[in-house]
Full PDB file with SEQRES, HELIX, SHEET, SSBOND, CRYST1, ORIGX, SCALE, CONECT and MASTER records, all heavy atoms in Angstrom:
SEQRES   1 A   36  GLY LYS ILE ARG SER HIS GLU SER LEU LEU HIS VAL LEU          
SEQRES   2 A   36  ASP ARG VAL GLY VAL ASP VAL LEU TRP ARG ASP ASN GLN          
SEQRES   3 A   36  SER GLY CYS LYS GLY VAL CYS ARG GLY LEU                      
HELIX    1 AA1 LYS A    2  SER A    5  1                                   4    
HELIX    2 AA2 LEU A    9  ARG A   15  1                                   7    
SSBOND   1 CYS A   29    CYS A   33                          1555   1555  2.15  
CRYST1    1.000    1.000    1.000  90.00  90.00  90.00 P 1           1          
ORIGX1      1.000000  0.000000  0.000000        0.00000                         
ORIGX2      0.000000  1.000000  0.000000        0.00000                         
ORIGX3      0.000000  0.000000  1.000000        0.00000                         
SCALE1      1.000000  0.000000  0.000000        0.00000                         
SCALE2      0.000000  1.000000  0.000000        0.00000                         
SCALE3      0.000000  0.000000  1.000000        0.00000                         
ATOM      1  N   GLY A   1       0.826  -1.231   0.055  1.00  0.00           N  
ATOM      2  CA  GLY A   1       0.058   0.007   0.049  1.00  0.00           C  
ATOM      3  C   GLY A   1       0.881   1.243  -0.012  1.00  0.00           C  
ATOM      4  O   GLY A   1       0.521   2.291  -0.638  1.00  0.00           O  
ATOM      5  N   LYS A   2       1.906   1.239   0.759  1.00  0.00           N  
ATOM      6  CA  LYS A   2       2.772   2.402   0.790  1.00  0.00           C  
ATOM      7  C   LYS A   2       3.529   2.684  -0.495  1.00  0.00           C  
ATOM      8  O   LYS A   2       3.581   3.823  -0.935  1.00  0.00           O  
ATOM      9  CB  LYS A   2       3.842   2.188   1.978  1.00  0.00           C  
ATOM     10  CG  LYS A   2       4.510   3.494   2.423  1.00  0.00           C  
ATOM     11  CD  LYS A   2       5.355   3.137   3.730  1.00  0.00           C  
ATOM     12  CE  LYS A   2       6.051   4.364   4.186  1.00  0.00           C  
ATOM     13  NZ  LYS A   2       6.818   4.126   5.425  1.00  0.00           N  
ATOM     14  N   ILE A   3       3.954   1.614  -1.134  1.00  0.00           N  
ATOM     15  CA  ILE A   3       4.705   1.715  -2.429  1.00  0.00           C  
ATOM     16  C   ILE A   3       3.705   2.312  -3.413  1.00  0.00           C  
ATOM     17  O   ILE A   3       4.103   3.241  -4.201  1.00  0.00           O  
ATOM     18  CB  ILE A   3       5.286   0.409  -2.803  1.00  0.00           C  
ATOM     19  CG1 ILE A   3       6.470  -0.023  -1.868  1.00  0.00           C  
ATOM     20  CG2 ILE A   3       5.723   0.358  -4.278  1.00  0.00           C  
ATOM     21  CD1 ILE A   3       6.968  -1.377  -2.113  1.00  0.00           C  
ATOM     22  N   ARG A   4       2.557   1.812  -3.573  1.00  0.00           N  
ATOM     23  CA  ARG A   4       1.634   2.223  -4.581  1.00  0.00           C  
ATOM     24  C   ARG A   4       1.026   3.565  -4.367  1.00  0.00           C  
ATOM     25  O   ARG A   4       0.546   4.130  -5.329  1.00  0.00           O  
ATOM     26  CB  ARG A   4       0.558   1.107  -4.765  1.00  0.00           C  
ATOM     27  CG  ARG A   4       1.075  -0.235  -5.300  1.00  0.00           C  
ATOM     28  CD  ARG A   4       0.060  -1.249  -5.550  1.00  0.00           C  
ATOM     29  NE  ARG A   4       0.470  -2.497  -5.961  1.00  0.00           N  
ATOM     30  CZ  ARG A   4       0.798  -2.725  -7.276  1.00  0.00           C  
ATOM     31  NH1 ARG A   4       0.519  -1.823  -8.187  1.00  0.00           N  
ATOM     32  NH2 ARG A   4       1.272  -3.887  -7.705  1.00  0.00           N  
ATOM     33  N   SER A   5       0.995   3.989  -3.149  1.00  0.00           N  
ATOM     34  CA  SER A   5       0.373   5.328  -2.851  1.00  0.00           C  
ATOM     35  C   SER A   5       1.369   6.436  -2.872  1.00  0.00           C  
ATOM     36  O   SER A   5       0.979   7.603  -2.717  1.00  0.00           O  
ATOM     37  CB  SER A   5      -0.364   5.330  -1.476  1.00  0.00           C  
ATOM     38  OG  SER A   5       0.623   5.007  -0.464  1.00  0.00           O  
ATOM     39  N   HIS A   6       2.683   6.123  -3.075  1.00  0.00           N  
ATOM     40  CA  HIS A   6       3.709   7.175  -3.010  1.00  0.00           C  
ATOM     41  C   HIS A   6       4.408   7.327  -4.405  1.00  0.00           C  
ATOM     42  O   HIS A   6       4.287   6.451  -5.248  1.00  0.00           O  
ATOM     43  CB  HIS A   6       4.781   6.769  -1.908  1.00  0.00           C  
ATOM     44  CG  HIS A   6       4.413   7.126  -0.576  1.00  0.00           C  
ATOM     45  ND1 HIS A   6       3.526   6.291   0.145  1.00  0.00           N  
ATOM     46  CD2 HIS A   6       4.851   8.059   0.309  1.00  0.00           C  
ATOM     47  CE1 HIS A   6       3.386   6.809   1.343  1.00  0.00           C  
ATOM     48  NE2 HIS A   6       4.112   7.811   1.479  1.00  0.00           N  
ATOM     49  N   GLU A   7       5.053   8.494  -4.544  1.00  0.00           N  
ATOM     50  CA  GLU A   7       5.754   8.736  -5.710  1.00  0.00           C  
ATOM     51  C   GLU A   7       6.929   7.700  -5.961  1.00  0.00           C  
ATOM     52  O   GLU A   7       7.437   7.071  -4.968  1.00  0.00           O  
ATOM     53  CB  GLU A   7       6.357  10.158  -5.662  1.00  0.00           C  
ATOM     54  CG  GLU A   7       5.338  11.240  -5.658  1.00  0.00           C  
ATOM     55  CD  GLU A   7       6.019  12.590  -5.607  1.00  0.00           C  
ATOM     56  OE1 GLU A   7       7.049  12.699  -5.040  1.00  0.00           O  
ATOM     57  OE2 GLU A   7       5.352  13.644  -6.080  1.00  0.00           O  
ATOM     58  N   SER A   8       7.386   7.649  -7.172  1.00  0.00           N  
ATOM     59  CA  SER A   8       8.570   6.802  -7.559  1.00  0.00           C  
ATOM     60  C   SER A   8       9.771   7.626  -7.738  1.00  0.00           C  
ATOM     61  O   SER A   8       9.789   8.906  -7.696  1.00  0.00           O  
ATOM     62  CB  SER A   8       8.160   6.037  -8.772  1.00  0.00           C  
ATOM     63  OG  SER A   8       8.248   6.900  -9.915  1.00  0.00           O  
ATOM     64  N   LEU A   9      10.928   6.909  -8.008  1.00  0.00           N  
ATOM     65  CA  LEU A   9      12.089   7.502  -8.346  1.00  0.00           C  
ATOM     66  C   LEU A   9      11.941   8.491  -9.513  1.00  0.00           C  
ATOM     67  O   LEU A   9      12.530   9.660  -9.521  1.00  0.00           O  
ATOM     68  CB  LEU A   9      13.089   6.382  -8.809  1.00  0.00           C  
ATOM     69  CG  LEU A   9      14.304   6.896  -9.589  1.00  0.00           C  
ATOM     70  CD1 LEU A   9      15.341   7.655  -8.705  1.00  0.00           C  
ATOM     71  CD2 LEU A   9      15.029   5.594 -10.116  1.00  0.00           C  
ATOM     72  N   LEU A  10      11.101   8.239 -10.497  1.00  0.00           N  
ATOM     73  CA  LEU A  10      10.911   9.136 -11.666  1.00  0.00           C  
ATOM     74  C   LEU A  10      10.330  10.405 -11.250  1.00  0.00           C  
ATOM     75  O   LEU A  10      10.628  11.501 -11.843  1.00  0.00           O  
ATOM     76  CB  LEU A  10      10.138   8.416 -12.724  1.00  0.00           C  
ATOM     77  CG  LEU A  10      10.787   7.073 -13.284  1.00  0.00           C  
ATOM     78  CD1 LEU A  10       9.868   6.528 -14.385  1.00  0.00           C  
ATOM     79  CD2 LEU A  10      12.163   7.253 -13.761  1.00  0.00           C  
ATOM     80  N   HIS A  11       9.410  10.379 -10.328  1.00  0.00           N  
ATOM     81  CA  HIS A  11       8.759  11.635  -9.918  1.00  0.00           C  
ATOM     82  C   HIS A  11       9.800  12.561  -9.112  1.00  0.00           C  
ATOM     83  O   HIS A  11       9.770  13.768  -9.302  1.00  0.00           O  
ATOM     84  CB  HIS A  11       7.683  11.384  -8.903  1.00  0.00           C  
ATOM     85  CG  HIS A  11       6.468  10.636  -9.578  1.00  0.00           C  
ATOM     86  ND1 HIS A  11       6.311   9.267  -9.485  1.00  0.00           N  
ATOM     87  CD2 HIS A  11       5.435  11.114 -10.355  1.00  0.00           C  
ATOM     88  CE1 HIS A  11       5.221   8.987 -10.169  1.00  0.00           C  
ATOM     89  NE2 HIS A  11       4.693  10.020 -10.673  1.00  0.00           N  
ATOM     90  N   VAL A  12      10.726  11.956  -8.451  1.00  0.00           N  
ATOM     91  CA  VAL A  12      11.775  12.738  -7.741  1.00  0.00           C  
ATOM     92  C   VAL A  12      12.761  13.394  -8.787  1.00  0.00           C  
ATOM     93  O   VAL A  12      12.970  14.550  -8.651  1.00  0.00           O  
ATOM     94  CB  VAL A  12      12.581  11.858  -6.844  1.00  0.00           C  
ATOM     95  CG1 VAL A  12      13.768  12.670  -6.170  1.00  0.00           C  
ATOM     96  CG2 VAL A  12      11.699  11.230  -5.746  1.00  0.00           C  
ATOM     97  N   LEU A  13      13.071  12.619  -9.836  1.00  0.00           N  
ATOM     98  CA  LEU A  13      13.904  13.193 -10.800  1.00  0.00           C  
ATOM     99  C   LEU A  13      13.248  14.268 -11.595  1.00  0.00           C  
ATOM    100  O   LEU A  13      13.822  15.295 -11.859  1.00  0.00           O  
ATOM    101  CB  LEU A  13      14.329  12.023 -11.820  1.00  0.00           C  
ATOM    102  CG  LEU A  13      15.296  10.963 -11.262  1.00  0.00           C  
ATOM    103  CD1 LEU A  13      15.476   9.901 -12.303  1.00  0.00           C  
ATOM    104  CD2 LEU A  13      16.543  11.604 -10.876  1.00  0.00           C  
ATOM    105  N   ASP A  14      11.931  14.112 -11.900  1.00  0.00           N  
ATOM    106  CA  ASP A  14      11.205  15.108 -12.658  1.00  0.00           C  
ATOM    107  C   ASP A  14      11.072  16.426 -11.811  1.00  0.00           C  
ATOM    108  O   ASP A  14      11.183  17.501 -12.265  1.00  0.00           O  
ATOM    109  CB  ASP A  14       9.728  14.579 -12.910  1.00  0.00           C  
ATOM    110  CG  ASP A  14       8.916  15.553 -13.644  1.00  0.00           C  
ATOM    111  OD1 ASP A  14       9.152  15.878 -14.782  1.00  0.00           O  
ATOM    112  OD2 ASP A  14       7.930  16.058 -12.942  1.00  0.00           O  
ATOM    113  N   ARG A  15      10.945  16.291 -10.492  1.00  0.00           N  
ATOM    114  CA  ARG A  15      10.827  17.389  -9.620  1.00  0.00           C  
ATOM    115  C   ARG A  15      12.098  18.232  -9.650  1.00  0.00           C  
ATOM    116  O   ARG A  15      12.031  19.526  -9.475  1.00  0.00           O  
ATOM    117  CB  ARG A  15      10.445  16.911  -8.192  1.00  0.00           C  
ATOM    118  CG  ARG A  15       9.950  18.146  -7.308  1.00  0.00           C  
ATOM    119  CD  ARG A  15       9.753  17.672  -5.919  1.00  0.00           C  
ATOM    120  NE  ARG A  15       9.049  16.415  -5.857  1.00  0.00           N  
ATOM    121  CZ  ARG A  15       9.504  15.402  -4.977  1.00  0.00           C  
ATOM    122  NH1 ARG A  15      10.571  15.558  -4.287  1.00  0.00           N  
ATOM    123  NH2 ARG A  15       8.874  14.251  -4.978  1.00  0.00           N  
ATOM    124  N   VAL A  16      13.303  17.597  -9.703  1.00  0.00           N  
ATOM    125  CA  VAL A  16      14.601  18.416  -9.641  1.00  0.00           C  
ATOM    126  C   VAL A  16      14.971  18.842 -10.996  1.00  0.00           C  
ATOM    127  O   VAL A  16      16.080  19.461 -11.150  1.00  0.00           O  
ATOM    128  CB  VAL A  16      15.631  17.583  -8.988  1.00  0.00           C  
ATOM    129  CG1 VAL A  16      15.304  17.142  -7.527  1.00  0.00           C  
ATOM    130  CG2 VAL A  16      16.039  16.371  -9.857  1.00  0.00           C  
ATOM    131  N   GLY A  17      14.228  18.639 -12.064  1.00  0.00           N  
ATOM    132  CA  GLY A  17      14.468  19.093 -13.407  1.00  0.00           C  
ATOM    133  C   GLY A  17      14.972  18.213 -14.406  1.00  0.00           C  
ATOM    134  O   GLY A  17      15.416  18.591 -15.491  1.00  0.00           O  
ATOM    135  N   VAL A  18      15.105  16.889 -14.059  1.00  0.00           N  
ATOM    136  CA  VAL A  18      15.619  15.871 -15.023  1.00  0.00           C  
ATOM    137  C   VAL A  18      14.428  15.563 -15.959  1.00  0.00           C  
ATOM    138  O   VAL A  18      13.299  15.189 -15.506  1.00  0.00           O  
ATOM    139  CB  VAL A  18      16.105  14.656 -14.264  1.00  0.00           C  
ATOM    140  CG1 VAL A  18      16.546  13.589 -15.374  1.00  0.00           C  
ATOM    141  CG2 VAL A  18      17.266  14.946 -13.444  1.00  0.00           C  
ATOM    142  N   ASP A  19      14.636  15.568 -17.214  1.00  0.00           N  
ATOM    143  CA  ASP A  19      13.628  15.239 -18.241  1.00  0.00           C  
ATOM    144  C   ASP A  19      13.408  13.711 -18.189  1.00  0.00           C  
ATOM    145  O   ASP A  19      14.307  12.991 -18.338  1.00  0.00           O  
ATOM    146  CB  ASP A  19      14.086  15.632 -19.649  1.00  0.00           C  
ATOM    147  CG  ASP A  19      13.037  15.515 -20.687  1.00  0.00           C  
ATOM    148  OD1 ASP A  19      11.991  16.218 -20.697  1.00  0.00           O  
ATOM    149  OD2 ASP A  19      13.152  14.527 -21.580  1.00  0.00           O  
ATOM    150  N   VAL A  20      12.079  13.327 -18.092  1.00  0.00           N  
ATOM    151  CA  VAL A  20      11.780  11.921 -17.869  1.00  0.00           C  
ATOM    152  C   VAL A  20      10.809  11.406 -19.014  1.00  0.00           C  
ATOM    153  O   VAL A  20       9.933  12.182 -19.354  1.00  0.00           O  
ATOM    154  CB  VAL A  20      11.020  11.753 -16.526  1.00  0.00           C  
ATOM    155  CG1 VAL A  20      10.623  10.331 -16.422  1.00  0.00           C  
ATOM    156  CG2 VAL A  20      11.917  12.096 -15.409  1.00  0.00           C  
ATOM    157  N   LEU A  21      11.096  10.245 -19.566  1.00  0.00           N  
ATOM    158  CA  LEU A  21      10.250   9.655 -20.582  1.00  0.00           C  
ATOM    159  C   LEU A  21      10.219   8.161 -20.357  1.00  0.00           C  
ATOM    160  O   LEU A  21      11.331   7.555 -20.221  1.00  0.00           O  
ATOM    161  CB  LEU A  21      10.691  10.019 -22.058  1.00  0.00           C  
ATOM    162  CG  LEU A  21       9.873   9.331 -23.142  1.00  0.00           C  
ATOM    163  CD1 LEU A  21       8.405   9.691 -23.065  1.00  0.00           C  
ATOM    164  CD2 LEU A  21      10.539   9.458 -24.482  1.00  0.00           C  
ATOM    165  N   TRP A  22       8.995   7.683 -20.332  1.00  0.00           N  
ATOM    166  CA  TRP A  22       8.854   6.146 -20.278  1.00  0.00           C  
ATOM    167  C   TRP A  22       8.383   5.742 -21.607  1.00  0.00           C  
ATOM    168  O   TRP A  22       7.292   6.048 -22.085  1.00  0.00           O  
ATOM    169  CB  TRP A  22       7.839   5.827 -19.150  1.00  0.00           C  
ATOM    170  CG  TRP A  22       7.685   4.332 -18.892  1.00  0.00           C  
ATOM    171  CD1 TRP A  22       7.067   3.427 -19.785  1.00  0.00           C  
ATOM    172  CD2 TRP A  22       8.094   3.582 -17.827  1.00  0.00           C  
ATOM    173  NE1 TRP A  22       7.140   2.149 -19.229  1.00  0.00           N  
ATOM    174  CE2 TRP A  22       7.815   2.220 -18.036  1.00  0.00           C  
ATOM    175  CE3 TRP A  22       8.788   3.822 -16.578  1.00  0.00           C  
ATOM    176  CZ2 TRP A  22       8.103   1.234 -17.131  1.00  0.00           C  
ATOM    177  CZ3 TRP A  22       9.104   2.835 -15.750  1.00  0.00           C  
ATOM    178  CH2 TRP A  22       8.701   1.543 -15.948  1.00  0.00           C  
ATOM    179  N   ARG A  23       9.146   4.803 -22.237  1.00  0.00           N  
ATOM    180  CA  ARG A  23       8.840   4.236 -23.493  1.00  0.00           C  
ATOM    181  C   ARG A  23       8.566   2.702 -23.304  1.00  0.00           C  
ATOM    182  O   ARG A  23       9.351   2.037 -22.782  1.00  0.00           O  
ATOM    183  CB  ARG A  23       9.921   4.403 -24.538  1.00  0.00           C  
ATOM    184  CG  ARG A  23       9.614   3.921 -25.883  1.00  0.00           C  
ATOM    185  CD  ARG A  23      10.718   4.335 -26.918  1.00  0.00           C  
ATOM    186  NE  ARG A  23      10.744   5.781 -27.116  1.00  0.00           N  
ATOM    187  CZ  ARG A  23      11.641   6.296 -27.949  1.00  0.00           C  
ATOM    188  NH1 ARG A  23      12.554   5.634 -28.600  1.00  0.00           N  
ATOM    189  NH2 ARG A  23      11.616   7.610 -28.167  1.00  0.00           N  
ATOM    190  N   ASP A  24       7.303   2.305 -23.638  1.00  0.00           N  
ATOM    191  CA  ASP A  24       6.817   0.996 -23.260  1.00  0.00           C  
ATOM    192  C   ASP A  24       6.541   0.030 -24.361  1.00  0.00           C  
ATOM    193  O   ASP A  24       5.754   0.373 -25.344  1.00  0.00           O  
ATOM    194  CB  ASP A  24       5.587   1.287 -22.434  1.00  0.00           C  
ATOM    195  CG  ASP A  24       5.213   0.063 -21.550  1.00  0.00           C  
ATOM    196  OD1 ASP A  24       4.485  -0.841 -21.983  1.00  0.00           O  
ATOM    197  OD2 ASP A  24       5.685  -0.005 -20.376  1.00  0.00           O  
ATOM    198  N   ASN A  25       7.065  -1.177 -24.284  1.00  0.00           N  
ATOM    199  CA  ASN A  25       6.608  -2.273 -25.171  1.00  0.00           C  
ATOM    200  C   ASN A  25       6.071  -3.394 -24.454  1.00  0.00           C  
ATOM    201  O   ASN A  25       6.177  -4.497 -24.793  1.00  0.00           O  
ATOM    202  CB  ASN A  25       7.915  -2.782 -25.980  1.00  0.00           C  
ATOM    203  CG  ASN A  25       7.563  -3.642 -27.191  1.00  0.00           C  
ATOM    204  OD1 ASN A  25       6.491  -3.441 -27.783  1.00  0.00           O  
ATOM    205  ND2 ASN A  25       8.422  -4.524 -27.526  1.00  0.00           N  
ATOM    206  N   GLN A  26       5.335  -3.027 -23.329  1.00  0.00           N  
ATOM    207  CA  GLN A  26       4.724  -3.910 -22.420  1.00  0.00           C  
ATOM    208  C   GLN A  26       3.407  -3.567 -22.182  1.00  0.00           C  
ATOM    209  O   GLN A  26       2.695  -2.859 -22.920  1.00  0.00           O  
ATOM    210  CB  GLN A  26       5.576  -4.079 -21.223  1.00  0.00           C  
ATOM    211  CG  GLN A  26       6.483  -5.336 -21.227  1.00  0.00           C  
ATOM    212  CD  GLN A  26       5.679  -6.512 -20.631  1.00  0.00           C  
ATOM    213  OE1 GLN A  26       4.525  -6.446 -20.467  1.00  0.00           O  
ATOM    214  NE2 GLN A  26       6.423  -7.599 -20.374  1.00  0.00           N  
ATOM    215  N   SER A  27       2.890  -3.795 -20.875  1.00  0.00           N  
ATOM    216  CA  SER A  27       1.544  -3.474 -20.557  1.00  0.00           C  
ATOM    217  C   SER A  27       1.533  -2.368 -19.562  1.00  0.00           C  
ATOM    218  O   SER A  27       0.700  -2.405 -18.583  1.00  0.00           O  
ATOM    219  CB  SER A  27       0.911  -4.735 -19.969  1.00  0.00           C  
ATOM    220  OG  SER A  27       1.660  -5.302 -18.844  1.00  0.00           O  
ATOM    221  N   GLY A  28       2.383  -1.317 -19.731  1.00  0.00           N  
ATOM    222  CA  GLY A  28       2.283  -0.196 -18.949  1.00  0.00           C  
ATOM    223  C   GLY A  28       3.324  -0.122 -17.798  1.00  0.00           C  
ATOM    224  O   GLY A  28       4.088  -1.054 -17.640  1.00  0.00           O  
ATOM    225  N   CYS A  29       3.361   1.013 -17.053  1.00  0.00           N  
ATOM    226  CA  CYS A  29       4.504   1.221 -16.131  1.00  0.00           C  
ATOM    227  C   CYS A  29       3.930   0.929 -14.715  1.00  0.00           C  
ATOM    228  O   CYS A  29       4.692   1.140 -13.748  1.00  0.00           O  
ATOM    229  CB  CYS A  29       4.996   2.645 -16.202  1.00  0.00           C  
ATOM    230  SG  CYS A  29       3.752   3.939 -15.646  1.00  0.00           S  
ATOM    231  N   LYS A  30       2.767   0.374 -14.544  1.00  0.00           N  
ATOM    232  CA  LYS A  30       2.213  -0.092 -13.270  1.00  0.00           C  
ATOM    233  C   LYS A  30       2.198   1.025 -12.205  1.00  0.00           C  
ATOM    234  O   LYS A  30       2.471   0.855 -11.054  1.00  0.00           O  
ATOM    235  CB  LYS A  30       3.043  -1.211 -12.688  1.00  0.00           C  
ATOM    236  CG  LYS A  30       3.314  -2.324 -13.708  1.00  0.00           C  
ATOM    237  CD  LYS A  30       2.020  -2.887 -14.304  1.00  0.00           C  
ATOM    238  CE  LYS A  30       2.370  -3.966 -15.331  1.00  0.00           C  
ATOM    239  NZ  LYS A  30       1.127  -4.441 -16.095  1.00  0.00           N  
ATOM    240  N   GLY A  31       1.979   2.281 -12.662  1.00  0.00           N  
ATOM    241  CA  GLY A  31       1.938   3.411 -11.726  1.00  0.00           C  
ATOM    242  C   GLY A  31       3.182   4.096 -11.524  1.00  0.00           C  
ATOM    243  O   GLY A  31       3.158   5.169 -10.949  1.00  0.00           O  
ATOM    244  N   VAL A  32       4.275   3.522 -11.974  1.00  0.00           N  
ATOM    245  CA  VAL A  32       5.579   4.141 -11.750  1.00  0.00           C  
ATOM    246  C   VAL A  32       5.793   5.465 -12.409  1.00  0.00           C  
ATOM    247  O   VAL A  32       6.444   6.371 -11.823  1.00  0.00           O  
ATOM    248  CB  VAL A  32       6.788   3.169 -12.224  1.00  0.00           C  
ATOM    249  CG1 VAL A  32       8.151   3.840 -12.127  1.00  0.00           C  
ATOM    250  CG2 VAL A  32       6.775   1.960 -11.350  1.00  0.00           C  
ATOM    251  N   CYS A  33       5.160   5.671 -13.537  1.00  0.00           N  
ATOM    252  CA  CYS A  33       5.276   6.907 -14.337  1.00  0.00           C  
ATOM    253  C   CYS A  33       3.979   7.661 -14.364  1.00  0.00           C  
ATOM    254  O   CYS A  33       3.852   8.537 -15.236  1.00  0.00           O  
ATOM    255  CB  CYS A  33       5.781   6.621 -15.783  1.00  0.00           C  
ATOM    256  SG  CYS A  33       4.520   5.639 -16.719  1.00  0.00           S  
ATOM    257  N   ARG A  34       3.194   7.435 -13.388  1.00  0.00           N  
ATOM    258  CA  ARG A  34       1.839   8.059 -13.349  1.00  0.00           C  
ATOM    259  C   ARG A  34       1.987   9.689 -13.381  1.00  0.00           C  
ATOM    260  O   ARG A  34       2.765  10.216 -12.617  1.00  0.00           O  
ATOM    261  CB  ARG A  34       1.122   7.710 -12.134  1.00  0.00           C  
ATOM    262  CG  ARG A  34      -0.264   8.380 -11.884  1.00  0.00           C  
ATOM    263  CD  ARG A  34      -0.939   7.724 -10.677  1.00  0.00           C  
ATOM    264  NE  ARG A  34      -1.925   8.593 -10.090  1.00  0.00           N  
ATOM    265  CZ  ARG A  34      -2.467   8.342  -8.973  1.00  0.00           C  
ATOM    266  NH1 ARG A  34      -2.126   7.315  -8.224  1.00  0.00           N  
ATOM    267  NH2 ARG A  34      -3.424   9.178  -8.470  1.00  0.00           N  
ATOM    268  N   GLY A  35       1.393  10.297 -14.337  1.00  0.00           N  
ATOM    269  CA  GLY A  35       1.434  11.695 -14.475  1.00  0.00           C  
ATOM    270  C   GLY A  35       2.627  12.224 -15.238  1.00  0.00           C  
ATOM    271  O   GLY A  35       2.809  13.459 -15.410  1.00  0.00           O  
ATOM    272  N   LEU A  36       3.540  11.349 -15.661  1.00  0.00           N  
ATOM    273  CA  LEU A  36       4.738  11.693 -16.360  1.00  0.00           C  
ATOM    274  C   LEU A  36       4.653  11.342 -17.817  1.00  0.00           C  
ATOM    275  O   LEU A  36       3.819  10.546 -18.227  1.00  0.00           O  
ATOM    276  CB  LEU A  36       5.935  11.000 -15.715  1.00  0.00           C  
ATOM    277  CG  LEU A  36       6.229  11.347 -14.275  1.00  0.00           C  
ATOM    278  CD1 LEU A  36       7.339  10.512 -13.674  1.00  0.00           C  
ATOM    279  CD2 LEU A  36       6.487  12.824 -14.124  1.00  0.00           C  
TER     280      LEU A  36                                                      
CONECT  230  256                                                                
CONECT  256  230                                                                
MASTER        0    0    0    2    0    0    0    6  279    1    2    3          
END                                                                             
């Protein structure tokens, strides 16, 4: 519950100004890139 309800590594990077892109050949990022 804690993992799924909190931001991921990618949200932290995005917040400090690192450009983030998730490119997917699967069935999604499972919430890891939510909003990115």
